Amino acid sequence: MEKREKLKVKFRQATKVDVDGLVVLEKSVWGDGAANREQIESRINVFPQGNIIAIYDQQIVGYVSFQCVDNVAESPEFSWAEITDNGMIVNSHKPNGKYLYGINLSVSHSMNGQNLSLDLFLFVWANLILNNRKGAFLGSRIPCFSSYKKRNPEISAEEYICLKRNGHAYDPELRIYGKDGLKPVKVLPNYFPDPKSLNYGVLIYRNNPFYNLPFRKLWAYIIGEIPSIRNKFIIKKKIKK
């Protein structure tokens, strides 16, 4: 298979003028499960820094949103609606929380093969470092669990998330997050409606290796600039050719 050319994508914090484009992106990616206008506007109002978008050819092609929370690993089981205040984050965002929690990640299908998810996560890590938070949580899908369980009905969700393929997580979504350093913490039954995951979610976590260390502003800047630096390198490489 021919490798796709890396496109020059720009990243910035979302504002209210982006809401229309975000609604279109969400609908194209998630259909009926998409974030609606009210949810997106509320997230931007409550925690503007927690909304990062990717733009290509004047179109929004990627969106990651997150909030601040306390240590949810110590919390009883919860659903996505409970941990995000139904996606509004009015009551779930904790300004002084020492952890980040991923609300959603949406990438246009036109960006397949661009590693845009990982680029968007770099901005989450930059926020994590800059504001000296201990780590980041996310609720992951396990979209191959349903088909695997049909062939192996005795397996539990806890056993499934431990399966490996070539040294990495068997499930493709956990595998992607694992490459970015996120590790499973616990299974969350009835996390959100998702037949492919049998409605399970997996709480995953990555700690902040720079927590309480000096020069956090410098490291946050460097990490946040990685996608732009890579794009500039690609452009220069093309010019040399």
Foldseek 3Di string as FASTA:
>chain_A
DDADAAAQKDKDFDDLVCLVLQQVQQCQFPNPPGDHSQLVNLQCVVPRLQWMFIDDPNGTFKIWGKAAAAPCLPPDFDALCVCCVHSNNPPNHDPPHLEMETNDITGHPVCPNNLVRLLVVLLVLLVNLVVQHFKYKYWAAQLQVLVVCVVVVVDDPVRQQPDDDPRARPRPGRRSVVVVPKAFSAKHALRDDDVSRPNIITMIMHTRPCRPHPPSNVVSVVSNCVSVVVSVVSVVVVVVD
